[in-house]
Amino acid sequence: MFNVSIVRAAFHEAMIHDEDVDIRNYIIAYKELSKFCSQLGTIFNFVVKDIEDKLWRLNELMRQDNSNFVTVKAMILYERSNGELAHNSGCITLLRLHRGLDFIVQFMTKLCQLEPKDSTSSSAIEAYDITLAKHHSWLIRTGARMAMKFLPNQETLYHQAVGESNHETSNTMPDMISKASLVHHRVNRLFLDYEILHLP
């Protein structure tokens, strides 16, 4: 089950000095968020698998070099200086996750504004259209929007994701979203400063 408190704590710990982001805690938070994504239906299984693959890649880079892959800024500086901003680099891997986090934050923000019996599909589609859609082909956009039309109402989605702790989740979700947004902003600023944000 998805645990909001784990995400909130990990994103809080991820915000370190000099407006930098600790990669290990970022991964912990994202692993938990992937559990939430897995509850969006079987059509999203490929999304969860993609997230898991990217988190595994970042973990491998940290394992192989725990001095240059400790923080986002250190990773950027290392890979830029070595000309390693390729498809499978840490920066590009994190960039893909970063874009996904934008969608998750936007969707969860909209979820918090719904009533228990309100459909979540339009909120998901709206969040998708202002975040991930601009990075996807027409075929992927069409498939994603179609899949989101089958999402349940807020109450059911919360129950599927967190079980019996619906009330606790609704109370702690806003603070978790706030911390996730702050981390997203930090990574966004670093990617912008080092000209990575608009890489394909």
Protein backbone atom coordinates (compact mmCIF):
# COMPACT_ATOMS: atom_id res chain seq x y z
CA MET A 1 0.00 0.00 0.00
CA PHE A 2 1.02 3.58 -0.66
CA ASN A 3 2.25 5.46 2.41
CA VAL A 4 1.99 9.26 2.27
CA SER A 5 4.10 9.71 5.41
CA ILE A 6 7.08 7.91 3.85
CA VAL A 7 6.96 10.19 0.81
CA ARG A 8 6.61 13.29 2.94
CA ALA A 9 9.56 12.36 5.18
CA ALA A 10 11.82 11.34 2.28
CA PHE A 11 11.18 14.51 0.28
CA HIS A 12 11.78 16.55 3.42
CA GLU A 13 15.13 14.81 3.97
CA ALA A 14 15.97 15.23 0.27
CA MET A 15 16.12 19.02 0.60
CA ILE A 16 19.68 19.67 1.71
CA HIS A 17 21.99 22.69 1.85
CA ASP A 18 22.68 25.05 -1.07
CA GLU A 19 19.29 24.35 -2.64
CA ASP A 20 20.56 20.88 -3.58
CA VAL A 21 18.68 17.55 -3.52
CA ASP A 22 19.83 14.28 -1.96
CA ILE A 23 19.38 11.52 -4.56
CA ARG A 24 18.95 8.64 -2.10
CA ASN A 25 15.95 10.24 -0.41
CA TYR A 26 14.53 11.29 -3.77
CA ILE A 27 14.59 7.63 -4.79
CA ILE A 28 12.93 6.53 -1.52
CA ALA A 29 10.09 9.00 -2.06
CA TYR A 30 9.65 8.06 -5.71
CA LYS A 31 9.59 4.33 -4.96
CA GLU A 32 6.65 4.96 -2.67
CA LEU A 33 4.94 7.16 -5.26
CA SER A 34 5.24 4.33 -7.77
CA LYS A 35 2.96 2.29 -5.48
CA PHE A 36 0.33 5.01 -5.91
CA CYS A 37 0.77 4.89 -9.69
CA SER A 38 0.32 1.11 -9.64
CA GLN A 39 -3.19 1.64 -8.27
CA LEU A 40 -4.28 3.67 -11.29
CA GLY A 41 -5.13 0.47 -13.19
CA THR A 42 -3.37 -2.23 -15.18
CA ILE A 43 -3.01 0.11 -18.16
CA PHE A 44 -0.47 2.04 -16.03
CA ASN A 45 1.68 -1.02 -15.37
CA PHE A 46 4.10 0.02 -18.11
CA VAL A 47 4.48 3.42 -16.41
CA VAL A 48 5.32 1.78 -13.09
CA LYS A 49 7.83 -0.53 -14.80
CA ASP A 50 9.48 2.48 -16.47
CA ILE A 51 9.71 4.26 -13.10
CA GLU A 52 11.24 1.17 -11.48
CA ASP A 53 13.80 0.85 -14.28
CA LYS A 54 14.87 4.48 -13.90
CA LEU A 55 15.10 4.25 -10.12
CA TRP A 56 17.20 1.10 -10.50
CA ARG A 57 19.52 2.98 -12.88
CA LEU A 58 20.02 5.82 -10.39
CA ASN A 59 20.66 3.31 -7.60
CA GLU A 60 23.27 1.57 -9.75
CA LEU A 61 25.05 4.86 -10.46
CA MET A 62 25.09 5.64 -6.74
CA ARG A 63 26.42 2.17 -5.96
CA GLN A 64 29.20 2.47 -8.53
CA ASP A 65 30.23 6.00 -7.57
CA ASN A 66 28.94 7.22 -4.22
CA SER A 67 30.90 10.45 -4.35
CA ASN A 68 29.61 11.94 -7.61
CA PHE A 69 26.06 10.59 -7.40
CA VAL A 70 25.09 11.69 -3.91
CA THR A 71 23.29 14.92 -4.81
CA VAL A 72 21.66 16.23 -7.98
CA LYS A 73 24.12 19.11 -8.32
CA ALA A 74 27.15 16.83 -7.89
CA MET A 75 25.77 14.45 -10.51
CA ILE A 76 25.14 17.28 -12.99
CA LEU A 77 28.63 18.74 -12.55
CA TYR A 78 30.28 15.33 -12.89
CA GLU A 79 28.38 14.21 -15.99
CA ARG A 80 28.67 17.58 -17.72
CA SER A 81 32.42 17.76 -17.13
CA ASN A 82 32.84 14.26 -18.53
CA GLY A 83 30.51 14.72 -21.50
CA GLU A 84 28.20 11.97 -20.27
CA LEU A 85 24.78 13.55 -20.85
CA ALA A 86 23.67 10.58 -22.96
CA HIS A 87 20.41 8.64 -23.04
CA ASN A 88 21.30 6.41 -20.08
CA SER A 89 23.07 9.04 -17.98
CA GLY A 90 22.01 9.91 -14.47
CA CYS A 91 20.88 13.38 -15.51
CA ILE A 92 18.67 12.16 -18.36
CA THR A 93 17.27 9.39 -16.18
CA LEU A 94 16.43 11.92 -13.47
CA LEU A 95 14.98 14.29 -16.07
CA ARG A 96 12.42 11.65 -17.07
CA LEU A 97 11.49 11.06 -13.43
CA HIS A 98 11.36 14.81 -12.85
CA ARG A 99 8.75 15.21 -15.59
CA GLY A 100 6.75 12.35 -14.12
CA LEU A 101 6.86 13.94 -10.67
CA ASP A 102 5.34 17.08 -12.13
CA PHE A 103 2.33 15.05 -13.30
CA ILE A 104 1.98 13.24 -9.97
CA VAL A 105 2.10 16.50 -8.00
CA GLN A 106 -0.46 18.16 -10.27
CA PHE A 107 -2.78 15.15 -10.15
CA MET A 108 -2.57 14.75 -6.38
CA THR A 109 -3.19 18.47 -5.91
CA LYS A 110 -6.40 18.15 -7.92
CA LEU A 111 -7.36 14.98 -6.02
CA CYS A 112 -7.30 16.90 -2.74
CA GLN A 113 -9.80 19.38 -4.14
CA LEU A 114 -12.37 16.70 -5.03
CA GLU A 115 -15.28 15.35 -3.03
CA PRO A 116 -15.24 11.61 -2.22
CA LYS A 117 -17.76 10.71 -4.95
CA ASP A 118 -16.20 12.95 -7.63
CA SER A 119 -14.60 11.28 -10.63
CA THR A 120 -10.82 11.52 -10.79
CA SER A 121 -10.50 10.99 -14.54
CA SER A 122 -10.89 14.62 -15.61
CA SER A 123 -8.37 15.69 -12.94
CA ALA A 124 -5.86 13.14 -14.21
CA ILE A 125 -6.34 14.20 -17.83
CA GLU A 126 -6.00 17.89 -16.94
CA ALA A 127 -2.81 17.19 -14.97
CA TYR A 128 -1.44 15.08 -17.82
CA ASP A 129 -2.21 17.71 -20.45
CA ILE A 130 -0.23 20.43 -18.64
CA THR A 131 2.74 18.21 -17.80
CA LEU A 132 3.69 14.95 -19.55
CA ALA A 133 1.60 15.35 -22.69
CA LYS A 134 4.01 17.86 -24.22
CA HIS A 135 6.79 15.24 -24.08
CA HIS A 136 4.75 12.41 -25.64
CA SER A 137 3.81 11.46 -29.18
CA TRP A 138 0.22 11.68 -30.39
CA LEU A 139 -0.19 7.91 -30.03
CA ILE A 140 0.97 7.86 -26.40
CA ARG A 141 -1.13 10.93 -25.54
CA THR A 142 -4.24 9.33 -27.01
CA GLY A 143 -3.68 6.06 -25.14
CA ALA A 144 -2.93 7.80 -21.85
CA ARG A 145 -6.05 9.95 -22.00
CA MET A 146 -8.19 6.93 -22.86
CA ALA A 147 -6.78 4.98 -19.91
CA MET A 148 -7.44 7.86 -17.51
CA LYS A 149 -11.13 7.90 -18.44
CA PHE A 150 -11.50 4.64 -16.51
CA LEU A 151 -10.15 5.96 -13.22
CA PRO A 152 -12.54 5.63 -10.23
CA ASN A 153 -13.91 8.34 -7.96
CA GLN A 154 -11.72 9.91 -5.29
CA GLU A 155 -12.97 7.72 -2.45
CA THR A 156 -12.35 4.48 -4.36
CA LEU A 157 -8.94 5.58 -5.60
CA TYR A 158 -7.83 6.48 -2.08
CA HIS A 159 -9.11 3.14 -0.80
CA GLN A 160 -7.27 1.22 -3.54
CA ALA A 161 -4.05 3.11 -2.88
CA VAL A 162 -3.94 3.31 0.90
CA GLY A 163 -6.52 0.84 2.19
CA GLU A 164 -8.23 1.78 5.43
CA SER A 165 -6.14 4.90 6.14
CA ASN A 166 -8.19 7.17 3.85
CA HIS A 167 -8.74 9.81 6.51
CA GLU A 168 -5.08 9.98 7.48
CA THR A 169 -4.10 10.21 3.82
CA SER A 170 -6.46 13.10 3.11
CA ASN A 171 -5.05 14.96 6.12
CA THR A 172 -1.36 14.42 5.32
CA MET A 173 -1.52 14.60 1.52
CA PRO A 174 -1.35 18.44 1.29
CA ASP A 175 1.90 18.59 3.30
CA MET A 176 3.39 15.75 1.25
CA ILE A 177 2.44 17.55 -1.98
CA SER A 178 4.02 20.74 -0.66
CA LYS A 179 7.33 18.99 0.03
CA ALA A 180 7.24 17.19 -3.32
CA SER A 181 6.65 20.53 -5.05
CA LEU A 182 9.62 22.10 -3.27
CA VAL A 183 11.88 19.24 -4.33
CA HIS A 184 10.55 19.46 -7.88
CA HIS A 185 11.28 23.19 -7.90
CA ARG A 186 14.86 22.63 -6.74
CA VAL A 187 15.57 20.00 -9.40
CA ASN A 188 13.88 22.17 -12.00
CA ARG A 189 16.11 25.12 -11.09
CA LEU A 190 19.26 22.99 -11.24
CA PHE A 191 18.31 21.54 -14.61
CA LEU A 192 17.50 25.02 -15.90
CA ASP A 193 20.75 26.53 -14.61
CA TYR A 194 22.84 23.79 -16.24
CA GLU A 195 20.81 23.68 -19.48
CA ILE A 196 19.45 20.16 -19.02
CA LEU A 197 15.74 20.89 -18.60
CA HIS A 198 14.96 21.08 -22.32
CA LEU A 199 17.00 18.08 -23.45
CA PRO A 200 14.91 15.50 -25.36
